[in-house]
Amino acid sequence: MSNGTQGTAGKTRTCPHCRATILQSATVCPICRKSLRWDPHTAKHKPPGFSALSVEGQIRHPGGEPAWEYSMLVSIKNEKGEEIARQMIGVGTLNPQELRTFTLSVDVSKPESGISKLR
């Protein structure tokens, strides 16, 4: 069933599964990874356009010290350097000899028009 609307770049909606705010053009929720839309032309999910940025890093507590605390913060700035979004992603404790891996990725795609909804 077609939703009959033209794709609008940057338009958001709520994932019906996990209630996260996601792009309206998403075919799979990036948070819960559940199916959202069906592409009748290819009979499979459309992948994102491309990954414009992907960064991964690790922090290992060396031991011999008390536990460390960490917080993961993401901010987005526009071309003028003005912060347009700021989100605390998670906080936690790193005990001696523990390891945490942090990954950040930015996927870029073109919104589709008239995409059918999965029923």
Protein backbone atom coordinates (compact mmCIF):
# COMPACT_ATOMS: atom_id res chain seq x y z
CA MET A 1 0.00 0.00 0.00
CA SER A 2 1.54 3.31 -1.09
CA ASN A 3 1.53 6.18 1.36
CA GLY A 4 1.08 8.58 -1.59
CA THR A 5 3.43 11.23 -0.23
CA GLN A 6 6.61 12.58 -1.73
CA GLY A 7 9.79 11.97 0.26
CA THR A 8 10.89 14.99 2.25
CA ALA A 9 14.57 15.11 3.13
CA GLY A 10 15.06 15.07 6.90
CA LYS A 11 11.46 14.29 7.81
CA THR A 12 11.23 12.08 10.89
CA ARG A 13 8.77 9.68 12.45
CA THR A 14 8.60 7.32 15.41
CA CYS A 15 9.60 3.67 15.05
CA PRO A 16 6.48 1.60 15.81
CA HIS A 17 8.62 -1.03 17.52
CA CYS A 18 11.03 0.85 19.82
CA ARG A 19 9.57 4.40 19.70
CA ALA A 20 12.92 5.96 18.61
CA THR A 21 12.86 9.02 16.36
CA ILE A 22 14.08 7.90 12.93
CA LEU A 23 14.07 9.17 9.35
CA GLN A 24 10.77 8.66 7.56
CA SER A 25 12.66 7.14 4.60
CA ALA A 26 14.20 4.34 6.73
CA THR A 27 13.35 0.78 5.68
CA VAL A 28 14.92 -0.73 8.82
CA CYS A 29 15.05 0.99 12.21
CA PRO A 30 18.73 1.77 13.00
CA ILE A 31 18.05 1.30 16.72
CA CYS A 32 16.02 -1.93 17.01
CA ARG A 33 16.86 -3.17 13.46
CA LYS A 34 13.27 -4.25 12.76
CA SER A 35 11.64 -3.96 9.33
CA LEU A 36 9.67 -0.81 8.63
CA ARG A 37 8.99 -0.68 4.90
CA TRP A 38 8.86 -3.00 1.96
CA ASP A 39 10.23 -2.15 -1.49
CA PRO A 40 7.91 -3.80 -4.02
CA HIS A 41 10.38 -3.20 -6.90
CA THR A 42 13.25 -5.23 -5.46
CA ALA A 43 11.31 -7.31 -2.90
CA LYS A 44 13.96 -6.62 -0.29
CA HIS A 45 15.03 -3.84 2.05
CA LYS A 46 16.88 -0.90 0.55
CA PRO A 47 20.29 -0.36 2.11
CA PRO A 48 21.43 3.11 3.14
CA GLY A 49 23.21 5.09 0.40
CA PHE A 50 26.71 5.00 1.86
CA SER A 51 28.60 5.43 5.08
CA ALA A 52 30.05 8.97 5.07
CA LEU A 53 31.85 8.49 8.40
CA SER A 54 32.76 5.50 10.51
CA VAL A 55 34.93 5.71 13.61
CA GLU A 56 35.66 2.96 16.12
CA GLY A 57 37.82 3.13 19.21
CA GLN A 58 38.50 1.19 22.39
CA ILE A 59 39.23 2.10 25.98
CA ARG A 60 40.87 -0.47 28.24
CA HIS A 61 41.28 0.12 31.95
CA PRO A 62 44.91 -0.84 32.68
CA GLY A 63 44.27 -1.92 36.26
CA GLY A 64 46.13 -0.76 39.32
CA GLU A 65 43.71 2.18 39.69
CA PRO A 66 40.13 2.59 40.90
CA ALA A 67 37.29 2.20 38.39
CA TRP A 68 36.88 4.86 35.69
CA GLU A 69 33.61 6.49 34.69
CA TYR A 70 32.85 7.30 31.06
CA SER A 71 30.19 9.18 29.12
CA MET A 72 29.57 9.11 25.38
CA LEU A 73 28.36 12.40 23.96
CA VAL A 74 27.54 13.20 20.33
CA SER A 75 27.05 16.69 18.96
CA ILE A 76 26.17 17.89 15.45
CA LYS A 77 27.16 21.33 14.17
CA ASN A 78 26.11 23.15 11.01
CA GLU A 79 28.38 24.91 8.50
CA LYS A 80 28.57 27.97 10.80
CA GLY A 81 29.83 25.88 13.71
CA GLU A 82 26.53 26.26 15.57
CA GLU A 83 25.47 23.22 17.56
CA ILE A 84 22.14 21.94 16.23
CA ALA A 85 21.92 18.71 18.23
CA ARG A 86 23.57 17.31 21.34
CA GLN A 87 22.80 13.88 22.80
CA MET A 88 24.19 11.88 25.69
CA ILE A 89 24.35 8.34 24.31
CA GLY A 90 25.42 6.44 27.38
CA VAL A 91 27.37 6.45 30.61
CA GLY A 92 29.06 3.69 32.55
CA THR A 93 31.90 2.39 34.65
CA LEU A 94 35.07 0.75 33.47
CA ASN A 95 36.55 -1.55 36.13
CA PRO A 96 40.19 -2.67 36.13
CA GLN A 97 41.05 -4.84 33.09
CA GLU A 98 37.67 -4.15 31.38
CA LEU A 99 37.38 -3.02 27.78
CA ARG A 100 34.73 -0.95 25.98
CA THR A 101 34.48 -0.43 22.21
CA PHE A 102 32.71 2.68 20.90
CA THR A 103 31.50 2.98 17.30
CA LEU A 104 30.10 6.05 15.53
CA SER A 105 28.74 5.90 11.99
CA VAL A 106 26.96 8.40 9.79
CA ASP A 107 24.98 6.93 6.88
CA VAL A 108 23.82 9.13 4.00
CA SER A 109 20.92 8.30 1.66
CA LYS A 110 18.36 9.90 -0.63
CA PRO A 111 14.74 9.79 0.58
CA GLU A 112 12.44 7.76 -1.68
CA SER A 113 9.00 8.93 -2.75
CA GLY A 114 5.86 6.83 -2.59
CA ILE A 115 7.40 3.95 -0.61
CA SER A 116 4.98 1.23 0.43
CA LYS A 117 4.49 0.31 4.07
CA LEU A 118 5.00 -3.22 5.34
CA ARG A 119 1.67 -4.54 6.62
